[in-house]
PDB file of N, CA and C in Angstrom:
ATOM      1  N   MET A   1     -12.118  -8.059  12.308  1.00  0.00           N
ATOM      2  CA  MET A   1     -10.688  -8.174  12.284  1.00  0.00           C
ATOM      3  C   MET A   1     -10.233  -9.102  11.165  1.00  0.00           C
ATOM      4  N   ARG A   2     -10.919 -10.224  10.989  1.00  0.00           N
ATOM      5  CA  ARG A   2     -10.539 -11.147   9.918  1.00  0.00           C
ATOM      6  C   ARG A   2     -10.752 -10.519   8.551  1.00  0.00           C
ATOM      7  N   LEU A   3     -11.824  -9.734   8.414  1.00  0.00           N
ATOM      8  CA  LEU A   3     -12.094  -9.073   7.139  1.00  0.00           C
ATOM      9  C   LEU A   3     -10.974  -8.096   6.812  1.00  0.00           C
ATOM     10  N   ARG A   4     -10.542  -7.320   7.792  1.00  0.00           N
ATOM     11  CA  ARG A   4      -9.477  -6.343   7.580  1.00  0.00           C
ATOM     12  C   ARG A   4      -8.185  -7.050   7.200  1.00  0.00           C
ATOM     13  N   ALA A   5      -7.868  -8.136   7.873  1.00  0.00           N
ATOM     14  CA  ALA A   5      -6.661  -8.893   7.559  1.00  0.00           C
ATOM     15  C   ALA A   5      -6.754  -9.484   6.154  1.00  0.00           C
ATOM     16  N   GLY A   6      -7.940  -9.971   5.797  1.00  0.00           N
ATOM     17  CA  GLY A   6      -8.131 -10.515   4.456  1.00  0.00           C
ATOM     18  C   GLY A   6      -7.969  -9.461   3.382  1.00  0.00           C
ATOM     19  N   LEU A   7      -8.489  -8.258   3.648  1.00  0.00           N
ATOM     20  CA  LEU A   7      -8.344  -7.165   2.690  1.00  0.00           C
ATOM     21  C   LEU A   7      -6.879  -6.749   2.551  1.00  0.00           C
ATOM     22  N   LEU A   8      -6.164  -6.738   3.657  1.00  0.00           N
ATOM     23  CA  LEU A   8      -4.750  -6.390   3.616  1.00  0.00           C
ATOM     24  C   LEU A   8      -3.969  -7.404   2.789  1.00  0.00           C
ATOM     25  N   VAL A   9      -4.235  -8.678   2.994  1.00  0.00           N
ATOM     26  CA  VAL A   9      -3.549  -9.728   2.238  1.00  0.00           C
ATOM     27  C   VAL A   9      -3.902  -9.637   0.755  1.00  0.00           C
ATOM     28  N   ALA A  10      -5.166  -9.387   0.452  1.00  0.00           N
ATOM     29  CA  ALA A  10      -5.582  -9.261  -0.949  1.00  0.00           C
ATOM     30  C   ALA A  10      -4.918  -8.064  -1.602  1.00  0.00           C
ATOM     31  N   GLY A  11      -4.820  -6.968  -0.870  1.00  0.00           N
ATOM     32  CA  GLY A  11      -4.154  -5.776  -1.400  1.00  0.00           C
ATOM     33  C   GLY A  11      -2.679  -6.019  -1.654  1.00  0.00           C
ATOM     34  N   MET A  12      -2.039  -6.717  -0.738  1.00  0.00           N
ATOM     35  CA  MET A  12      -0.624  -7.035  -0.904  1.00  0.00           C
ATOM     36  C   MET A  12      -0.418  -7.934  -2.119  1.00  0.00           C
ATOM     37  N   ALA A  13      -1.276  -8.920  -2.280  1.00  0.00           N
ATOM     38  CA  ALA A  13      -1.155  -9.834  -3.420  1.00  0.00           C
ATOM     39  C   ALA A  13      -1.347  -9.091  -4.736  1.00  0.00           C
ATOM     40  N   ALA A  14      -2.330  -8.192  -4.782  1.00  0.00           N
ATOM     41  CA  ALA A  14      -2.586  -7.418  -6.001  1.00  0.00           C
ATOM     42  C   ALA A  14      -1.391  -6.527  -6.324  1.00  0.00           C
ATOM     43  N   ALA A  15      -0.805  -5.923  -5.320  1.00  0.00           N
ATOM     44  CA  ALA A  15       0.350  -5.061  -5.543  1.00  0.00           C
ATOM     45  C   ALA A  15       1.543  -5.858  -6.044  1.00  0.00           C
ATOM     46  N   ILE A  16       1.754  -7.037  -5.489  1.00  0.00           N
ATOM     47  CA  ILE A  16       2.874  -7.874  -5.904  1.00  0.00           C
ATOM     48  C   ILE A  16       2.694  -8.310  -7.353  1.00  0.00           C
ATOM     49  N   VAL A  17       1.489  -8.704  -7.714  1.00  0.00           N
ATOM     50  CA  VAL A  17       1.222  -9.127  -9.092  1.00  0.00           C
ATOM     51  C   VAL A  17       1.431  -7.970 -10.050  1.00  0.00           C
ATOM     52  N   SER A  18       0.968  -6.763  -9.689  1.00  0.00           N
ATOM     53  CA  SER A  18       1.121  -5.628 -10.590  1.00  0.00           C
ATOM     54  C   SER A  18       2.587  -5.221 -10.724  1.00  0.00           C
ATOM     55  N   VAL A  19       3.359  -5.378  -9.673  1.00  0.00           N
ATOM     56  CA  VAL A  19       4.766  -4.989  -9.708  1.00  0.00           C
ATOM     57  C   VAL A  19       5.597  -5.983 -10.505  1.00  0.00           C
ATOM     58  N   LEU A  20       5.267  -7.250 -10.444  1.00  0.00           N
ATOM     59  CA  LEU A  20       6.043  -8.249 -11.170  1.00  0.00           C
ATOM     60  C   LEU A  20       6.010  -8.019 -12.673  1.00  0.00           C
ATOM     61  N   GLY A  21       4.932  -7.422 -13.175  1.00  0.00           N
ATOM     62  CA  GLY A  21       4.823  -7.161 -14.600  1.00  0.00           C
ATOM     63  C   GLY A  21       5.364  -5.802 -15.004  1.00  0.00           C
ATOM     64  N   THR A  22       5.919  -5.032 -14.079  1.00  0.00           N
ATOM     65  CA  THR A  22       6.406  -3.690 -14.358  1.00  0.00           C
ATOM     66  C   THR A  22       7.930  -3.693 -14.414  1.00  0.00           C
ATOM     67  N   PRO A  23       8.505  -3.047 -15.438  1.00  0.00           N
ATOM     68  CA  PRO A  23       9.968  -2.975 -15.513  1.00  0.00           C
ATOM     69  C   PRO A  23      10.558  -2.251 -14.295  1.00  0.00           C
ATOM     70  N   ALA A  24      11.793  -2.577 -13.940  1.00  0.00           N
ATOM     71  CA  ALA A  24      12.424  -2.007 -12.737  1.00  0.00           C
ATOM     72  C   ALA A  24      12.522  -0.491 -12.817  1.00  0.00           C
ATOM     73  N   SER A  25      12.775   0.054 -13.996  1.00  0.00           N
ATOM     74  CA  SER A  25      12.894   1.508 -14.112  1.00  0.00           C
ATOM     75  C   SER A  25      11.565   2.201 -13.831  1.00  0.00           C
ATOM     76  N   ALA A  26      10.471   1.572 -14.197  1.00  0.00           N
ATOM     77  CA  ALA A  26       9.155   2.156 -13.930  1.00  0.00           C
ATOM     78  C   ALA A  26       8.769   1.998 -12.465  1.00  0.00           C
ATOM     79  N   GLN A  27       9.227   0.927 -11.821  1.00  0.00           N
ATOM     80  CA  GLN A  27       8.905   0.714 -10.416  1.00  0.00           C
ATOM     81  C   GLN A  27       9.481   1.811  -9.536  1.00  0.00           C
ATOM     82  N   ALA A  28      10.658   2.298  -9.874  1.00  0.00           N
ATOM     83  CA  ALA A  28      11.315   3.295  -9.043  1.00  0.00           C
ATOM     84  C   ALA A  28      10.547   4.610  -9.024  1.00  0.00           C
ATOM     85  N   ALA A  29       9.888   4.946 -10.122  1.00  0.00           N
ATOM     86  CA  ALA A  29       9.223   6.240 -10.220  1.00  0.00           C
ATOM     87  C   ALA A  29       7.718   6.161  -9.995  1.00  0.00           C
ATOM     88  N   ALA A  30       7.116   5.015 -10.192  1.00  0.00           N
ATOM     89  CA  ALA A  30       5.661   4.898 -10.163  1.00  0.00           C
ATOM     90  C   ALA A  30       5.150   4.593  -8.751  1.00  0.00           C
ATOM     91  N   TRP A  31       4.028   5.179  -8.407  1.00  0.00           N
ATOM     92  CA  TRP A  31       3.349   4.876  -7.147  1.00  0.00           C
ATOM     93  C   TRP A  31       2.373   3.746  -7.398  1.00  0.00           C
ATOM     94  N   THR A  32       2.283   2.823  -6.467  1.00  0.00           N
ATOM     95  CA  THR A  32       1.374   1.684  -6.560  1.00  0.00           C
ATOM     96  C   THR A  32       0.301   1.818  -5.488  1.00  0.00           C
ATOM     97  N   TYR A  33      -0.952   1.753  -5.915  1.00  0.00           N
ATOM     98  CA  TYR A  33      -2.084   1.853  -4.987  1.00  0.00           C
ATOM     99  C   TYR A  33      -2.229   0.553  -4.207  1.00  0.00           C
ATOM    100  N   ILE A  34      -2.351   0.669  -2.873  1.00  0.00           N
ATOM    101  CA  ILE A  34      -2.490  -0.512  -2.030  1.00  0.00           C
ATOM    102  C   ILE A  34      -3.924  -0.699  -1.566  1.00  0.00           C
ATOM    103  N   GLY A  35      -4.528   0.342  -1.013  1.00  0.00           N
ATOM    104  CA  GLY A  35      -5.894   0.194  -0.529  1.00  0.00           C
ATOM    105  C   GLY A  35      -6.350   1.384   0.291  1.00  0.00           C
ATOM    106  N   VAL A  36      -7.548   1.244   0.858  1.00  0.00           N
ATOM    107  CA  VAL A  36      -8.182   2.304   1.645  1.00  0.00           C
ATOM    108  C   VAL A  36      -8.241   1.862   3.104  1.00  0.00           C
ATOM    109  N   TYR A  37      -7.955   2.791   3.992  1.00  0.00           N
ATOM    110  CA  TYR A  37      -8.000   2.544   5.430  1.00  0.00           C
ATOM    111  C   TYR A  37      -8.950   3.536   6.091  1.00  0.00           C
ATOM    112  N   THR A  38      -9.502   3.147   7.219  1.00  0.00           N
ATOM    113  CA  THR A  38     -10.511   3.974   7.885  1.00  0.00           C
ATOM    114  C   THR A  38      -9.913   5.013   8.819  1.00  0.00           C
ATOM    115  N   SER A  39      -8.609   4.963   9.064  1.00  0.00           N
ATOM    116  CA  SER A  39      -7.965   5.983   9.883  1.00  0.00           C
ATOM    117  C   SER A  39      -6.548   6.202   9.379  1.00  0.00           C
ATOM    118  N   LYS A  40      -6.025   7.376   9.644  1.00  0.00           N
ATOM    119  CA  LYS A  40      -4.657   7.670   9.220  1.00  0.00           C
ATOM    120  C   LYS A  40      -3.673   6.769   9.962  1.00  0.00           C
ATOM    121  N   HIS A  41      -3.959   6.473  11.211  1.00  0.00           N
ATOM    122  CA  HIS A  41      -3.094   5.598  12.007  1.00  0.00           C
ATOM    123  C   HIS A  41      -2.935   4.231  11.338  1.00  0.00           C
ATOM    124  N   ASN A  42      -4.035   3.637  10.890  1.00  0.00           N
ATOM    125  CA  ASN A  42      -3.975   2.327  10.224  1.00  0.00           C
ATOM    126  C   ASN A  42      -3.211   2.417   8.907  1.00  0.00           C
ATOM    127  N   CYS A  43      -3.412   3.514   8.184  1.00  0.00           N
ATOM    128  CA  CYS A  43      -2.722   3.713   6.912  1.00  0.00           C
ATOM    129  C   CYS A  43      -1.213   3.817   7.131  1.00  0.00           C
ATOM    130  N   VAL A  44      -0.808   4.601   8.128  1.00  0.00           N
ATOM    131  CA  VAL A  44       0.619   4.759   8.431  1.00  0.00           C
ATOM    132  C   VAL A  44       1.225   3.429   8.875  1.00  0.00           C
ATOM    133  N   ASP A  45       0.515   2.685   9.713  1.00  0.00           N
ATOM    134  CA  ASP A  45       1.013   1.367  10.141  1.00  0.00           C
ATOM    135  C   ASP A  45       1.257   0.461   8.943  1.00  0.00           C
ATOM    136  N   ALA A  46       0.299   0.415   8.035  1.00  0.00           N
ATOM    137  CA  ALA A  46       0.444  -0.429   6.851  1.00  0.00           C
ATOM    138  C   ALA A  46       1.575   0.076   5.958  1.00  0.00           C
ATOM    139  N   GLY A  47       1.688   1.388   5.803  1.00  0.00           N
ATOM    140  CA  GLY A  47       2.762   1.959   4.989  1.00  0.00           C
ATOM    141  C   GLY A  47       4.131   1.613   5.539  1.00  0.00           C
ATOM    142  N   GLN A  48       4.282   1.694   6.854  1.00  0.00           N
ATOM    143  CA  GLN A  48       5.551   1.336   7.466  1.00  0.00           C
ATOM    144  C   GLN A  48       5.875  -0.142   7.267  1.00  0.00           C
ATOM    145  N   MET A  49       4.845  -0.974   7.273  1.00  0.00           N
ATOM    146  CA  MET A  49       5.048  -2.402   7.024  1.00  0.00           C
ATOM    147  C   MET A  49       5.563  -2.615   5.597  1.00  0.00           C
ATOM    148  N   TRP A  50       4.996  -1.896   4.636  1.00  0.00           N
ATOM    149  CA  TRP A  50       5.451  -2.027   3.243  1.00  0.00           C
ATOM    150  C   TRP A  50       6.900  -1.576   3.100  1.00  0.00           C
ATOM    151  N   VAL A  51       7.292  -0.519   3.796  1.00  0.00           N
ATOM    152  CA  VAL A  51       8.678  -0.054   3.740  1.00  0.00           C
ATOM    153  C   VAL A  51       9.606  -1.103   4.345  1.00  0.00           C
ATOM    154  N   ARG A  52       9.195  -1.730   5.441  1.00  0.00           N
ATOM    155  CA  ARG A  52      10.010  -2.800   6.034  1.00  0.00           C
ATOM    156  C   ARG A  52      10.154  -3.976   5.077  1.00  0.00           C
ATOM    157  N   GLU A  53       9.150  -4.167   4.208  1.00  0.00           N
ATOM    158  CA  GLU A  53       9.190  -5.274   3.244  1.00  0.00           C
ATOM    159  C   GLU A  53      10.027  -4.954   2.013  1.00  0.00           C
ATOM    160  N   GLY A  54      10.564  -3.734   1.923  1.00  0.00           N
ATOM    161  CA  GLY A  54      11.471  -3.435   0.820  1.00  0.00           C
ATOM    162  C   GLY A  54      11.071  -2.298  -0.094  1.00  0.00           C
ATOM    163  N   TRP A  55       9.911  -1.707   0.089  1.00  0.00           N
ATOM    164  CA  TRP A  55       9.521  -0.571  -0.734  1.00  0.00           C
ATOM    165  C   TRP A  55      10.264   0.668  -0.253  1.00  0.00           C
ATOM    166  N   ASN A  56      10.432   1.648  -1.131  1.00  0.00           N
ATOM    167  CA  ASN A  56      11.214   2.837  -0.799  1.00  0.00           C
ATOM    168  C   ASN A  56      10.446   3.846   0.046  1.00  0.00           C
ATOM    169  N   ALA A  57       9.171   4.037  -0.232  1.00  0.00           N
ATOM    170  CA  ALA A  57       8.404   5.082   0.449  1.00  0.00           C
ATOM    171  C   ALA A  57       6.923   4.742   0.427  1.00  0.00           C
ATOM    172  N   TYR A  58       6.175   5.410   1.297  1.00  0.00           N
ATOM    173  CA  TYR A  58       4.723   5.275   1.290  1.00  0.00           C
ATOM    174  C   TYR A  58       4.100   6.651   1.473  1.00  0.00           C
ATOM    175  N   GLU A  59       2.841   6.756   1.081  1.00  0.00           N
ATOM    176  CA  GLU A  59       2.108   8.008   1.240  1.00  0.00           C
ATOM    177  C   GLU A  59       0.659   7.687   1.564  1.00  0.00           C
ATOM    178  N   CYS A  60       0.134   8.319   2.596  1.00  0.00           N
ATOM    179  CA  CYS A  60      -1.270   8.204   2.954  1.00  0.00           C
ATOM    180  C   CYS A  60      -1.956   9.489   2.527  1.00  0.00           C
ATOM    181  N   SER A  61      -2.886   9.386   1.595  1.00  0.00           N
ATOM    182  CA  SER A  61      -3.597  10.574   1.141  1.00  0.00           C
ATOM    183  C   SER A  61      -5.077  10.431   1.461  1.00  0.00           C
ATOM    184  N   GLY A  62      -5.697  11.537   1.773  1.00  0.00           N
ATOM    185  CA  GLY A  62      -7.110  11.538   2.118  1.00  0.00           C
ATOM    186  C   GLY A  62      -7.341  12.375   3.348  1.00  0.00           C
ATOM    187  N   SER A  63      -8.533  12.245   3.889  1.00  0.00           N
ATOM    188  CA  SER A  63      -8.856  12.965   5.119  1.00  0.00           C
ATOM    189  C   SER A  63     -10.110  12.369   5.725  1.00  0.00           C
ATOM    190  N   GLY A  64     -10.276  12.593   7.006  1.00  0.00           N
ATOM    191  CA  GLY A  64     -11.494  12.154   7.668  1.00  0.00           C
ATOM    192  C   GLY A  64     -11.627  10.651   7.738  1.00  0.00           C
ATOM    193  N   THR A  65     -12.585  10.118   6.990  1.00  0.00           N
ATOM    194  CA  THR A  65     -12.969   8.720   7.102  1.00  0.00           C
ATOM    195  C   THR A  65     -12.110   7.774   6.268  1.00  0.00           C
ATOM    196  N   TYR A  66     -11.645   8.210   5.108  1.00  0.00           N
ATOM    197  CA  TYR A  66     -10.947   7.313   4.195  1.00  0.00           C
ATOM    198  C   TYR A  66      -9.546   7.817   3.884  1.00  0.00           C
ATOM    199  N   TRP A  67      -8.576   6.907   4.007  1.00  0.00           N
ATOM    200  CA  TRP A  67      -7.176   7.208   3.707  1.00  0.00           C
ATOM    201  C   TRP A  67      -6.670   6.169   2.711  1.00  0.00           C
ATOM    202  N   GLU A  68      -6.097   6.627   1.602  1.00  0.00           N
ATOM    203  CA  GLU A  68      -5.552   5.742   0.589  1.00  0.00           C
ATOM    204  C   GLU A  68      -4.063   5.570   0.820  1.00  0.00           C
ATOM    205  N   LEU A  69      -3.592   4.334   0.700  1.00  0.00           N
ATOM    206  CA  LEU A  69      -2.163   4.035   0.850  1.00  0.00           C
ATOM    207  C   LEU A  69      -1.546   3.816  -0.521  1.00  0.00           C
ATOM    208  N   TRP A  70      -0.458   4.523  -0.777  1.00  0.00           N
ATOM    209  CA  TRP A  70       0.318   4.400  -2.004  1.00  0.00           C
ATOM    210  C   TRP A  70       1.767   4.106  -1.620  1.00  0.00           C
ATOM    211  N   VAL A  71       2.409   3.217  -2.342  1.00  0.00           N
ATOM    212  CA  VAL A  71       3.822   2.895  -2.101  1.00  0.00           C
ATOM    213  C   VAL A  71       4.603   2.995  -3.398  1.00  0.00           C
ATOM    214  N   ARG A  72       5.926   3.180  -3.256  1.00  0.00           N
ATOM    215  CA  ARG A  72       6.821   3.116  -4.425  1.00  0.00           C
ATOM    216  C   ARG A  72       8.148   2.588  -4.005  1.00  0.00           C
TER     217      ARG A  72
END
């Protein structure tokens, strides 16, 4: 559980750093990679959290064991 929380925090920090260096016009159109989740349920939960934090949309892509979270 601590490892998963640590990975989530690291992913959030990386996304914030990458977004701060991106112009606002590019942020609106570009998808930002957040991380990989082991179930679609976990990916959707994290995506909804990102939307609550101010992002416009999220997308979980993948199947089976690995799901990638993308936000914009």
